[in-house]
N, C-alpha and C. Protein backbone atom coordinates (compact mmCIF):
# COMPACT_ATOMS: atom_id res chain seq x y z
N UNK A 1 55.03 70.12 2.03
CA UNK A 1 55.09 70.11 3.50
C UNK A 1 56.52 70.36 4.00
N UNK A 2 57.50 69.79 3.29
CA UNK A 2 58.89 69.93 3.73
C UNK A 2 59.63 71.05 3.02
N UNK A 3 59.01 71.68 2.03
CA UNK A 3 59.70 72.69 1.24
C UNK A 3 60.23 73.84 2.10
N UNK A 4 59.42 74.30 3.06
CA UNK A 4 59.82 75.44 3.88
C UNK A 4 61.05 75.14 4.72
N UNK A 5 61.24 73.87 5.10
CA UNK A 5 62.38 73.49 5.93
C UNK A 5 63.63 73.22 5.09
N UNK A 6 63.42 72.66 3.91
CA UNK A 6 64.56 72.30 3.06
C UNK A 6 65.06 73.47 2.21
N UNK A 7 64.19 74.47 1.99
CA UNK A 7 64.54 75.55 1.06
C UNK A 7 65.76 76.35 1.47
N UNK A 8 65.92 76.81 2.73
CA UNK A 8 67.09 77.64 3.08
C UNK A 8 68.43 76.96 2.82
N UNK A 9 68.68 75.73 3.33
CA UNK A 9 69.99 75.10 3.05
C UNK A 9 70.15 74.75 1.57
N UNK A 10 69.06 74.38 0.92
CA UNK A 10 69.13 74.05 -0.51
C UNK A 10 69.45 75.28 -1.33
N UNK A 11 68.86 76.41 -0.97
CA UNK A 11 69.13 77.65 -1.69
C UNK A 11 70.60 78.04 -1.58
N UNK A 12 71.18 77.84 -0.40
CA UNK A 12 72.59 78.18 -0.22
C UNK A 12 73.49 77.30 -1.09
N UNK A 13 73.16 76.01 -1.14
CA UNK A 13 73.93 75.08 -1.97
C UNK A 13 73.78 75.41 -3.45
N UNK A 14 72.56 75.64 -3.90
CA UNK A 14 72.31 75.94 -5.30
C UNK A 14 72.93 77.26 -5.72
N UNK A 15 72.99 78.20 -4.77
CA UNK A 15 73.60 79.49 -5.08
C UNK A 15 75.08 79.33 -5.42
N UNK A 16 75.77 78.44 -4.71
CA UNK A 16 77.18 78.19 -5.00
C UNK A 16 77.35 77.54 -6.37
N UNK A 17 76.44 76.65 -6.71
CA UNK A 17 76.51 75.99 -8.02
C UNK A 17 76.16 76.97 -9.13
N UNK A 18 75.25 77.91 -8.84
CA UNK A 18 74.77 78.83 -9.86
C UNK A 18 75.80 79.89 -10.26
N UNK A 19 76.69 80.25 -9.35
CA UNK A 19 77.63 81.34 -9.64
C UNK A 19 78.49 81.06 -10.87
N UNK A 20 79.07 79.86 -11.03
CA UNK A 20 79.86 79.60 -12.25
C UNK A 20 79.00 79.66 -13.52
N UNK A 21 77.73 79.25 -13.41
CA UNK A 21 76.85 79.30 -14.57
C UNK A 21 76.59 80.75 -14.99
N UNK A 22 76.36 81.59 -14.00
CA UNK A 22 76.14 83.01 -14.29
C UNK A 22 77.39 83.62 -14.91
N UNK A 23 78.56 83.24 -14.39
CA UNK A 23 79.82 83.75 -14.94
C UNK A 23 80.01 83.34 -16.39
N UNK A 24 79.43 82.19 -16.77
CA UNK A 24 79.53 81.71 -18.16
C UNK A 24 78.44 82.28 -19.06
N UNK A 25 77.58 83.12 -18.50
CA UNK A 25 76.52 83.73 -19.29
C UNK A 25 75.28 82.89 -19.47
N UNK A 26 75.13 81.86 -18.64
CA UNK A 26 73.95 81.01 -18.72
C UNK A 26 72.82 81.65 -17.92
N UNK A 27 71.66 81.82 -18.57
CA UNK A 27 70.53 82.48 -17.93
C UNK A 27 69.62 81.48 -17.23
N UNK A 28 68.76 82.01 -16.38
CA UNK A 28 67.81 81.15 -15.67
C UNK A 28 66.87 80.45 -16.64
N UNK A 29 66.43 81.18 -17.68
CA UNK A 29 65.52 80.57 -18.65
C UNK A 29 66.19 79.43 -19.41
N UNK A 30 67.48 79.56 -19.68
CA UNK A 30 68.21 78.48 -20.34
C UNK A 30 68.23 77.23 -19.47
N UNK A 31 68.41 77.42 -18.16
CA UNK A 31 68.40 76.28 -17.23
C UNK A 31 67.02 75.66 -17.18
N UNK A 32 65.98 76.49 -17.15
CA UNK A 32 64.60 75.98 -17.13
C UNK A 32 64.29 75.15 -18.37
N UNK A 33 64.68 75.68 -19.53
CA UNK A 33 64.43 74.97 -20.79
C UNK A 33 65.21 73.65 -20.83
N UNK A 34 66.46 73.70 -20.38
CA UNK A 34 67.26 72.47 -20.34
C UNK A 34 66.61 71.43 -19.44
N UNK A 35 66.11 71.88 -18.29
CA UNK A 35 65.43 70.97 -17.38
C UNK A 35 64.17 70.38 -18.00
N UNK A 36 63.44 71.22 -18.75
CA UNK A 36 62.24 70.74 -19.41
C UNK A 36 62.55 69.69 -20.46
N UNK A 37 63.62 69.90 -21.20
CA UNK A 37 64.03 68.93 -22.23
C UNK A 37 64.43 67.61 -21.57
N UNK A 38 65.20 67.71 -20.49
CA UNK A 38 65.62 66.51 -19.76
C UNK A 38 64.39 65.77 -19.22
N UNK A 39 63.43 66.53 -18.68
CA UNK A 39 62.20 65.93 -18.19
C UNK A 39 61.44 65.21 -19.30
N UNK A 40 61.45 65.80 -20.49
CA UNK A 40 60.80 65.17 -21.63
C UNK A 40 61.43 63.82 -21.96
N UNK A 41 62.76 63.79 -21.93
CA UNK A 41 63.46 62.53 -22.18
C UNK A 41 63.18 61.51 -21.07
N UNK A 42 63.02 61.98 -19.84
CA UNK A 42 62.67 61.08 -18.74
C UNK A 42 61.31 60.43 -18.99
N UNK A 43 60.38 61.20 -19.51
CA UNK A 43 59.05 60.66 -19.83
C UNK A 43 59.13 59.64 -20.97
N UNK A 44 59.96 59.93 -21.97
CA UNK A 44 60.14 58.98 -23.09
C UNK A 44 60.74 57.68 -22.57
N UNK A 45 61.77 57.81 -21.72
CA UNK A 45 62.40 56.61 -21.14
C UNK A 45 61.39 55.80 -20.33
N UNK A 46 60.53 56.49 -19.59
CA UNK A 46 59.51 55.81 -18.80
C UNK A 46 58.52 55.09 -19.70
N UNK A 47 58.10 55.74 -20.76
CA UNK A 47 57.12 55.15 -21.68
C UNK A 47 57.64 53.85 -22.29
N UNK A 48 58.95 53.76 -22.49
CA UNK A 48 59.55 52.56 -23.06
C UNK A 48 60.03 51.57 -22.00
N UNK A 49 59.77 51.91 -20.72
CA UNK A 49 60.12 50.99 -19.65
C UNK A 49 61.56 51.05 -19.18
N UNK A 50 62.30 52.09 -19.59
CA UNK A 50 63.69 52.25 -19.15
C UNK A 50 63.70 53.07 -17.86
N UNK A 51 63.21 52.47 -16.79
CA UNK A 51 62.97 53.22 -15.56
C UNK A 51 64.24 53.71 -14.89
N UNK A 52 65.32 52.93 -14.96
CA UNK A 52 66.56 53.35 -14.31
C UNK A 52 67.17 54.56 -15.02
N UNK A 53 67.03 54.61 -16.33
CA UNK A 53 67.48 55.79 -17.07
C UNK A 53 66.60 56.98 -16.68
N UNK A 54 65.31 56.74 -16.57
CA UNK A 54 64.36 57.80 -16.22
C UNK A 54 64.67 58.39 -14.84
N UNK A 55 65.12 57.54 -13.90
CA UNK A 55 65.45 58.04 -12.56
C UNK A 55 66.60 59.06 -12.63
N UNK A 56 67.63 58.72 -13.41
CA UNK A 56 68.76 59.64 -13.54
C UNK A 56 68.32 60.95 -14.18
N UNK A 57 67.46 60.85 -15.20
CA UNK A 57 66.97 62.05 -15.87
C UNK A 57 66.05 62.86 -14.96
N UNK A 58 65.27 62.16 -14.14
CA UNK A 58 64.42 62.84 -13.16
C UNK A 58 65.27 63.65 -12.19
N UNK A 59 66.36 63.05 -11.70
CA UNK A 59 67.25 63.75 -10.76
C UNK A 59 67.82 65.01 -11.41
N UNK A 60 68.23 64.90 -12.66
CA UNK A 60 68.79 66.06 -13.36
C UNK A 60 67.72 67.12 -13.58
N UNK A 61 66.51 66.69 -13.90
CA UNK A 61 65.40 67.63 -14.07
C UNK A 61 65.12 68.40 -12.79
N UNK A 62 65.12 67.70 -11.67
CA UNK A 62 64.85 68.35 -10.39
C UNK A 62 65.97 69.31 -9.99
N UNK A 63 67.22 68.96 -10.33
CA UNK A 63 68.34 69.86 -10.06
C UNK A 63 68.16 71.15 -10.86
N UNK A 64 67.81 71.00 -12.12
CA UNK A 64 67.58 72.19 -12.97
C UNK A 64 66.43 73.03 -12.44
N UNK A 65 65.41 72.36 -11.89
CA UNK A 65 64.24 73.07 -11.37
C UNK A 65 64.62 73.97 -10.20
N UNK A 66 65.56 73.54 -9.39
CA UNK A 66 66.02 74.40 -8.29
C UNK A 66 67.08 75.38 -8.73
N UNK A 67 67.89 74.97 -9.70
CA UNK A 67 69.02 75.78 -10.13
C UNK A 67 68.58 77.01 -10.90
N UNK A 68 67.48 76.93 -11.65
CA UNK A 68 67.05 78.09 -12.43
C UNK A 68 66.68 79.26 -11.53
N UNK A 69 66.07 78.94 -10.38
CA UNK A 69 65.74 80.01 -9.43
C UNK A 69 66.98 80.62 -8.82
N UNK A 70 67.99 79.79 -8.54
CA UNK A 70 69.25 80.30 -7.97
C UNK A 70 69.95 81.23 -8.97
N UNK A 71 69.95 80.84 -10.23
CA UNK A 71 70.55 81.69 -11.27
C UNK A 71 69.79 83.00 -11.39
N UNK A 72 68.45 82.91 -11.34
CA UNK A 72 67.62 84.11 -11.45
C UNK A 72 67.90 85.08 -10.31
N UNK A 73 68.06 84.56 -9.10
CA UNK A 73 68.31 85.44 -7.95
C UNK A 73 69.67 86.12 -8.02
N UNK A 74 70.62 85.51 -8.74
CA UNK A 74 71.94 86.11 -8.90
C UNK A 74 71.99 87.08 -10.07
N UNK A 75 70.97 87.06 -10.91
CA UNK A 75 70.93 87.95 -12.07
C UNK A 75 69.71 88.86 -11.96
N UNK A 76 68.71 88.62 -12.78
CA UNK A 76 67.51 89.45 -12.76
C UNK A 76 66.29 88.56 -12.93
N UNK A 77 65.57 88.27 -11.85
CA UNK A 77 64.35 87.46 -11.97
C UNK A 77 63.34 88.14 -12.88
N UNK A 78 62.63 87.35 -13.67
CA UNK A 78 61.65 87.92 -14.59
C UNK A 78 60.31 87.22 -14.44
N UNK A 79 59.25 87.92 -14.81
CA UNK A 79 57.92 87.32 -14.77
C UNK A 79 57.82 86.14 -15.73
N UNK A 80 58.44 86.29 -16.91
CA UNK A 80 58.39 85.19 -17.87
C UNK A 80 59.13 83.97 -17.33
N UNK A 81 60.23 84.20 -16.62
CA UNK A 81 60.98 83.10 -16.04
C UNK A 81 60.13 82.32 -15.04
N UNK A 82 59.38 83.04 -14.19
CA UNK A 82 58.49 82.39 -13.25
C UNK A 82 57.39 81.61 -13.96
N UNK A 83 56.85 82.21 -15.02
CA UNK A 83 55.83 81.56 -15.83
C UNK A 83 56.36 80.27 -16.46
N UNK A 84 57.54 80.38 -17.08
CA UNK A 84 58.14 79.23 -17.77
C UNK A 84 58.44 78.10 -16.78
N UNK A 85 58.91 78.46 -15.61
CA UNK A 85 59.25 77.47 -14.60
C UNK A 85 58.04 76.65 -14.18
N UNK A 86 56.93 77.33 -13.89
CA UNK A 86 55.74 76.62 -13.41
C UNK A 86 55.09 75.81 -14.52
N UNK A 87 55.13 76.30 -15.75
CA UNK A 87 54.55 75.56 -16.87
C UNK A 87 55.31 74.25 -17.11
N UNK A 88 56.64 74.34 -17.15
CA UNK A 88 57.44 73.13 -17.39
C UNK A 88 57.27 72.14 -16.24
N UNK A 89 57.16 72.63 -15.01
CA UNK A 89 56.96 71.75 -13.86
C UNK A 89 55.65 70.97 -13.98
N UNK A 90 54.55 71.69 -14.21
CA UNK A 90 53.25 71.03 -14.22
C UNK A 90 53.08 70.11 -15.42
N UNK A 91 53.68 70.48 -16.54
CA UNK A 91 53.65 69.59 -17.69
C UNK A 91 54.39 68.29 -17.38
N UNK A 92 55.54 68.42 -16.74
CA UNK A 92 56.32 67.23 -16.39
C UNK A 92 55.57 66.35 -15.40
N UNK A 93 54.94 66.98 -14.38
CA UNK A 93 54.20 66.21 -13.39
C UNK A 93 53.06 65.41 -14.02
N UNK A 94 52.48 65.94 -15.09
CA UNK A 94 51.39 65.23 -15.76
C UNK A 94 51.89 64.21 -16.78
N UNK A 95 52.97 64.54 -17.46
CA UNK A 95 53.47 63.67 -18.52
C UNK A 95 54.09 62.38 -17.97
N UNK A 96 54.71 62.45 -16.80
CA UNK A 96 55.33 61.23 -16.27
C UNK A 96 54.30 60.15 -15.95
N UNK A 97 53.19 60.47 -15.25
CA UNK A 97 52.16 59.44 -15.06
C UNK A 97 51.57 58.95 -16.39
N UNK A 98 51.41 59.86 -17.35
CA UNK A 98 50.93 59.45 -18.67
C UNK A 98 51.89 58.46 -19.31
N UNK A 99 53.18 58.68 -19.10
CA UNK A 99 54.19 57.76 -19.64
C UNK A 99 54.07 56.38 -18.99
N UNK A 100 53.72 56.37 -17.70
CA UNK A 100 53.49 55.09 -17.03
C UNK A 100 52.28 54.37 -17.63
N UNK A 101 51.26 55.13 -17.99
CA UNK A 101 50.08 54.52 -18.61
C UNK A 101 50.45 53.85 -19.93
N UNK A 102 51.43 54.42 -20.63
CA UNK A 102 51.88 53.83 -21.89
C UNK A 102 52.71 52.57 -21.65
N UNK A 103 53.57 52.61 -20.64
CA UNK A 103 54.44 51.46 -20.39
C UNK A 103 53.75 50.36 -19.59
N UNK A 104 52.75 50.73 -18.80
CA UNK A 104 52.02 49.77 -17.98
C UNK A 104 50.52 50.01 -18.14
N UNK A 105 49.93 49.56 -19.25
CA UNK A 105 48.50 49.80 -19.51
C UNK A 105 47.59 49.33 -18.38
N UNK A 106 48.04 48.33 -17.64
CA UNK A 106 47.22 47.83 -16.54
C UNK A 106 47.07 48.86 -15.42
N UNK A 107 47.95 49.87 -15.42
CA UNK A 107 47.89 50.93 -14.40
C UNK A 107 47.33 52.23 -14.97
N UNK A 108 46.65 52.16 -16.10
CA UNK A 108 46.16 53.38 -16.76
C UNK A 108 45.17 54.15 -15.89
N UNK A 109 44.29 53.42 -15.20
CA UNK A 109 43.30 54.09 -14.35
C UNK A 109 43.97 54.84 -13.20
N UNK A 110 44.97 54.21 -12.58
CA UNK A 110 45.70 54.87 -11.49
C UNK A 110 46.46 56.08 -12.01
N UNK A 111 47.02 55.96 -13.23
CA UNK A 111 47.73 57.09 -13.84
C UNK A 111 46.78 58.25 -14.09
N UNK A 112 45.57 57.93 -14.60
CA UNK A 112 44.58 58.98 -14.86
C UNK A 112 44.17 59.66 -13.56
N UNK A 113 44.00 58.89 -12.49
CA UNK A 113 43.64 59.45 -11.19
C UNK A 113 44.73 60.38 -10.68
N UNK A 114 45.99 59.98 -10.85
CA UNK A 114 47.10 60.81 -10.39
C UNK A 114 47.17 62.11 -11.19
N UNK A 115 46.95 62.04 -12.50
CA UNK A 115 46.99 63.25 -13.33
C UNK A 115 45.88 64.21 -12.90
N UNK A 116 44.67 63.68 -12.70
CA UNK A 116 43.55 64.53 -12.25
C UNK A 116 43.86 65.14 -10.88
N UNK A 117 44.50 64.37 -10.02
CA UNK A 117 44.88 64.88 -8.70
C UNK A 117 45.89 66.01 -8.81
N UNK A 118 46.84 65.88 -9.75
CA UNK A 118 47.80 66.95 -10.00
C UNK A 118 47.09 68.21 -10.52
N UNK A 119 46.04 68.01 -11.31
CA UNK A 119 45.26 69.16 -11.79
C UNK A 119 44.65 69.90 -10.61
N UNK A 120 44.17 69.14 -9.62
CA UNK A 120 43.59 69.77 -8.43
C UNK A 120 44.60 70.60 -7.67
N UNK A 121 45.79 70.03 -7.42
CA UNK A 121 46.81 70.79 -6.68
C UNK A 121 47.32 71.96 -7.51
N UNK A 122 47.47 71.74 -8.82
CA UNK A 122 48.00 72.79 -9.69
C UNK A 122 47.06 73.98 -9.82
N UNK A 123 45.77 73.70 -10.05
CA UNK A 123 44.82 74.79 -10.22
C UNK A 123 44.60 75.55 -8.92
N UNK A 124 44.53 74.83 -7.79
CA UNK A 124 44.34 75.51 -6.51
C UNK A 124 45.56 76.36 -6.16
N UNK A 125 46.73 75.86 -6.50
CA UNK A 125 48.00 76.58 -6.28
C UNK A 125 48.02 77.88 -7.09
N UNK A 126 47.70 77.77 -8.39
CA UNK A 126 47.79 78.93 -9.27
C UNK A 126 46.65 79.91 -9.04
N UNK A 127 45.44 79.39 -8.78
CA UNK A 127 44.31 80.28 -8.54
C UNK A 127 44.55 81.13 -7.29
N UNK A 128 45.11 80.51 -6.25
CA UNK A 128 45.44 81.26 -5.04
C UNK A 128 46.47 82.34 -5.36
N UNK A 129 47.49 81.98 -6.15
CA UNK A 129 48.55 82.93 -6.50
C UNK A 129 47.99 84.12 -7.27
N UNK A 130 47.04 83.88 -8.16
CA UNK A 130 46.46 84.95 -8.96
C UNK A 130 45.73 85.96 -8.08
N UNK A 131 44.88 85.46 -7.19
CA UNK A 131 44.12 86.36 -6.32
C UNK A 131 45.04 87.04 -5.31
N UNK A 132 46.06 86.30 -4.81
CA UNK A 132 47.01 86.91 -3.88
C UNK A 132 47.76 88.05 -4.53
N UNK A 133 48.16 87.87 -5.80
CA UNK A 133 48.85 88.95 -6.52
C UNK A 133 47.93 90.15 -6.70
N UNK A 134 46.68 89.90 -6.98
CA UNK A 134 45.70 90.98 -7.13
C UNK A 134 45.55 91.79 -5.85
N UNK A 135 45.67 91.10 -4.71
CA UNK A 135 45.50 91.77 -3.42
C UNK A 135 46.83 92.23 -2.82
N UNK A 136 47.93 91.98 -3.52
CA UNK A 136 49.24 92.41 -3.03
C UNK A 136 49.75 91.60 -1.87
N UNK A 137 49.32 90.34 -1.76
CA UNK A 137 49.76 89.46 -0.68
C UNK A 137 51.02 88.72 -1.14
N UNK A 138 52.02 88.67 -0.29
CA UNK A 138 53.26 87.98 -0.66
C UNK A 138 53.86 87.29 0.57
N UNK A 139 54.76 86.35 0.31
CA UNK A 139 55.48 85.66 1.37
C UNK A 139 56.78 85.13 0.81
N UNK A 140 57.79 85.01 1.68
CA UNK A 140 59.07 84.43 1.28
C UNK A 140 59.44 83.25 2.18
N UNK A 141 58.42 82.62 2.75
CA UNK A 141 58.65 81.47 3.63
C UNK A 141 59.39 80.37 2.89
N UNK A 142 59.06 80.18 1.61
CA UNK A 142 59.71 79.15 0.82
C UNK A 142 60.70 79.75 -0.18
N UNK A 143 61.29 80.87 0.21
CA UNK A 143 62.26 81.52 -0.66
C UNK A 143 61.60 82.58 -1.53
N UNK A 144 62.44 83.34 -2.21
CA UNK A 144 61.94 84.38 -3.10
C UNK A 144 61.35 83.75 -4.36
N UNK A 145 60.07 84.04 -4.63
CA UNK A 145 59.38 83.46 -5.77
C UNK A 145 58.82 84.57 -6.65
N UNK A 146 58.44 84.18 -7.88
CA UNK A 146 57.85 85.14 -8.80
C UNK A 146 56.38 85.41 -8.47
N UNK A 147 55.80 84.59 -7.60
CA UNK A 147 54.40 84.74 -7.22
C UNK A 147 54.21 84.15 -5.84
N UNK A 148 53.03 84.41 -5.24
CA UNK A 148 52.74 83.89 -3.90
C UNK A 148 52.78 82.37 -3.93
N UNK A 149 53.47 81.78 -2.97
CA UNK A 149 53.66 80.32 -2.93
C UNK A 149 52.92 79.77 -1.72
N UNK A 150 51.73 79.19 -1.96
CA UNK A 150 50.96 78.59 -0.88
C UNK A 150 51.32 77.12 -0.76
N UNK A 151 51.71 76.70 0.43
CA UNK A 151 52.12 75.32 0.63
C UNK A 151 50.96 74.37 0.84
N UNK A 152 51.27 73.21 1.38
CA UNK A 152 50.24 72.21 1.61
C UNK A 152 50.88 70.90 2.00
N UNK A 153 50.05 69.87 2.15
CA UNK A 153 50.56 68.55 2.50
C UNK A 153 51.48 68.00 1.43
N UNK A 154 51.15 68.29 0.17
CA UNK A 154 51.94 67.84 -0.98
C UNK A 154 52.53 69.05 -1.69
N UNK A 155 53.85 69.13 -1.74
CA UNK A 155 54.53 70.21 -2.42
C UNK A 155 55.60 69.61 -3.34
N UNK A 156 56.55 70.44 -3.75
CA UNK A 156 57.56 69.98 -4.70
C UNK A 156 58.42 68.85 -4.19
N UNK A 157 58.83 68.93 -2.91
CA UNK A 157 59.69 67.89 -2.35
C UNK A 157 59.01 66.54 -2.36
N UNK A 158 57.76 66.51 -1.89
CA UNK A 158 57.02 65.26 -1.83
C UNK A 158 56.74 64.71 -3.24
N UNK A 159 56.41 65.60 -4.16
CA UNK A 159 56.12 65.17 -5.54
C UNK A 159 57.36 64.56 -6.19
N UNK A 160 58.50 65.22 -6.01
CA UNK A 160 59.75 64.70 -6.58
C UNK A 160 60.10 63.34 -5.99
N UNK A 161 59.90 63.21 -4.67
CA UNK A 161 60.20 61.94 -4.00
C UNK A 161 59.30 60.82 -4.51
N UNK A 162 58.02 61.12 -4.69
CA UNK A 162 57.08 60.10 -5.16
C UNK A 162 57.39 59.70 -6.60
N UNK A 163 57.73 60.66 -7.44
CA UNK A 163 58.08 60.34 -8.83
C UNK A 163 59.30 59.42 -8.86
N UNK A 164 60.27 59.70 -8.00
CA UNK A 164 61.44 58.83 -7.91
C UNK A 164 61.07 57.45 -7.41
N UNK A 165 60.14 57.39 -6.44
CA UNK A 165 59.73 56.12 -5.86
C UNK A 165 59.03 55.23 -6.88
N UNK A 166 58.15 55.81 -7.69
CA UNK A 166 57.44 54.98 -8.67
C UNK A 166 58.36 54.52 -9.79
N UNK A 167 59.44 55.27 -10.04
CA UNK A 167 60.41 54.82 -11.03
C UNK A 167 61.29 53.70 -10.46
N UNK A 168 61.55 53.77 -9.16
CA UNK A 168 62.33 52.71 -8.51
C UNK A 168 61.53 51.41 -8.39
N UNK A 169 60.21 51.57 -8.14
CA UNK A 169 59.34 50.40 -7.95
C UNK A 169 58.13 50.51 -8.88
N UNK A 170 58.34 50.39 -10.17
CA UNK A 170 57.23 50.56 -11.12
C UNK A 170 56.09 49.58 -10.92
N UNK A 171 56.39 48.40 -10.38
CA UNK A 171 55.35 47.40 -10.15
C UNK A 171 54.36 47.85 -9.07
N UNK A 172 54.76 48.82 -8.26
CA UNK A 172 53.90 49.38 -7.22
C UNK A 172 53.27 50.70 -7.64
N UNK A 173 53.37 51.03 -8.91
CA UNK A 173 52.88 52.33 -9.38
C UNK A 173 51.41 52.56 -9.02
N UNK A 174 50.56 51.55 -9.27
CA UNK A 174 49.13 51.72 -9.02
C UNK A 174 48.83 52.10 -7.59
N UNK A 175 49.42 51.38 -6.65
CA UNK A 175 49.16 51.64 -5.22
C UNK A 175 49.70 53.02 -4.82
N UNK A 176 50.94 53.30 -5.22
CA UNK A 176 51.56 54.58 -4.85
C UNK A 176 50.79 55.75 -5.47
N UNK A 177 50.38 55.59 -6.72
CA UNK A 177 49.66 56.67 -7.41
C UNK A 177 48.34 56.99 -6.72
N UNK A 178 47.61 55.97 -6.30
CA UNK A 178 46.32 56.20 -5.64
C UNK A 178 46.52 56.88 -4.29
N UNK A 179 47.49 56.39 -3.50
CA UNK A 179 47.75 56.98 -2.18
C UNK A 179 48.19 58.44 -2.32
N UNK A 180 49.12 58.69 -3.24
CA UNK A 180 49.61 60.05 -3.41
C UNK A 180 48.52 60.95 -3.99
N UNK A 181 47.71 60.38 -4.88
CA UNK A 181 46.59 61.16 -5.44
C UNK A 181 45.64 61.62 -4.35
N UNK A 182 45.36 60.74 -3.38
CA UNK A 182 44.49 61.12 -2.26
C UNK A 182 45.12 62.24 -1.43
N UNK A 183 46.44 62.17 -1.24
CA UNK A 183 47.13 63.24 -0.51
C UNK A 183 47.06 64.55 -1.28
N UNK A 184 47.10 64.46 -2.60
CA UNK A 184 46.95 65.66 -3.43
C UNK A 184 45.58 66.29 -3.22
N UNK A 185 44.54 65.45 -3.11
CA UNK A 185 43.20 65.99 -2.89
C UNK A 185 43.07 66.62 -1.51
N UNK A 186 43.75 66.07 -0.52
CA UNK A 186 43.75 66.72 0.80
C UNK A 186 44.40 68.09 0.72
N UNK A 187 45.48 68.19 -0.07
CA UNK A 187 46.15 69.47 -0.27
C UNK A 187 45.23 70.46 -0.97
N UNK A 188 44.51 69.99 -1.98
CA UNK A 188 43.58 70.86 -2.70
C UNK A 188 42.49 71.39 -1.78
N UNK A 189 41.95 70.50 -0.93
CA UNK A 189 40.92 70.91 0.03
C UNK A 189 41.48 71.93 1.01
N UNK A 190 42.72 71.71 1.46
CA UNK A 190 43.37 72.66 2.38
C UNK A 190 43.52 74.02 1.71
N UNK A 191 43.91 74.05 0.44
CA UNK A 191 44.10 75.32 -0.25
C UNK A 191 42.77 76.05 -0.48
N UNK A 192 41.73 75.29 -0.77
CA UNK A 192 40.41 75.91 -0.91
C UNK A 192 39.98 76.53 0.42
N UNK A 193 40.23 75.80 1.52
CA UNK A 193 39.90 76.31 2.85
C UNK A 193 40.72 77.56 3.17
N UNK A 194 42.01 77.54 2.80
CA UNK A 194 42.87 78.70 3.04
C UNK A 194 42.39 79.91 2.25
N UNK A 195 41.98 79.67 1.01
CA UNK A 195 41.48 80.77 0.18
C UNK A 195 40.22 81.36 0.80
N UNK A 196 39.37 80.50 1.33
CA UNK A 196 38.14 80.97 1.99
C UNK A 196 38.46 81.84 3.19
N UNK A 197 39.50 81.43 3.95
CA UNK A 197 39.89 82.20 5.13
C UNK A 197 40.58 83.52 4.76
N UNK A 198 41.44 83.48 3.75
CA UNK A 198 42.26 84.67 3.39
C UNK A 198 41.47 85.68 2.57
N UNK A 199 40.69 85.18 1.62
CA UNK A 199 40.05 86.07 0.67
C UNK A 199 38.62 86.47 1.06
N UNK A 200 38.15 85.93 2.16
CA UNK A 200 36.83 86.32 2.61
C UNK A 200 35.85 85.17 2.54
N UNK A 201 34.90 85.17 3.45
CA UNK A 201 33.95 84.06 3.56
C UNK A 201 32.61 84.38 2.92
N UNK A 202 32.58 85.40 2.10
CA UNK A 202 31.33 85.73 1.42
C UNK A 202 31.03 84.73 0.33
N UNK A 203 29.78 84.69 -0.09
CA UNK A 203 29.36 83.76 -1.13
C UNK A 203 29.09 84.51 -2.41
């Protein structure tokens, strides 16, 4: 929901940070992989209950997630780079709740609900992008992307904020996970409705 508003100033800031990296020969894919590794360690820290360490690693993961795109725009964006970015993101979004299920078994049901909710937003997001690419539909409302970026009530900004919130207040994980999961389902329903409007109302 907030991505379209935060993206322009964030892109300008990340572009300044990305220039020295490009000068050192660091590629966008290298940044993406580094972010994925950091995200993996955040999940491990969460699984063992080291939530404050996980918060710092989450912040670094999110920085890398924005920085890889900035590096790509200063060099040569690639289809594989876009693919790698979205795969590492969705894996991280699913693994962190799973890590909570390991560290807080009493919240396993809420963690499972949140993971399923992420599947809904992820599949609706990617399915829309696939058909949009087939039809040659594009947009740069949320910056230059490797594929069509359809927004919704829950996007990257909100997801990152919620992940940080549950790490700050792990005892509230169950409540936060259920509320955010419901918002994810509203986003999924919105995207299905948008697809119906954009791609045709035939059955």
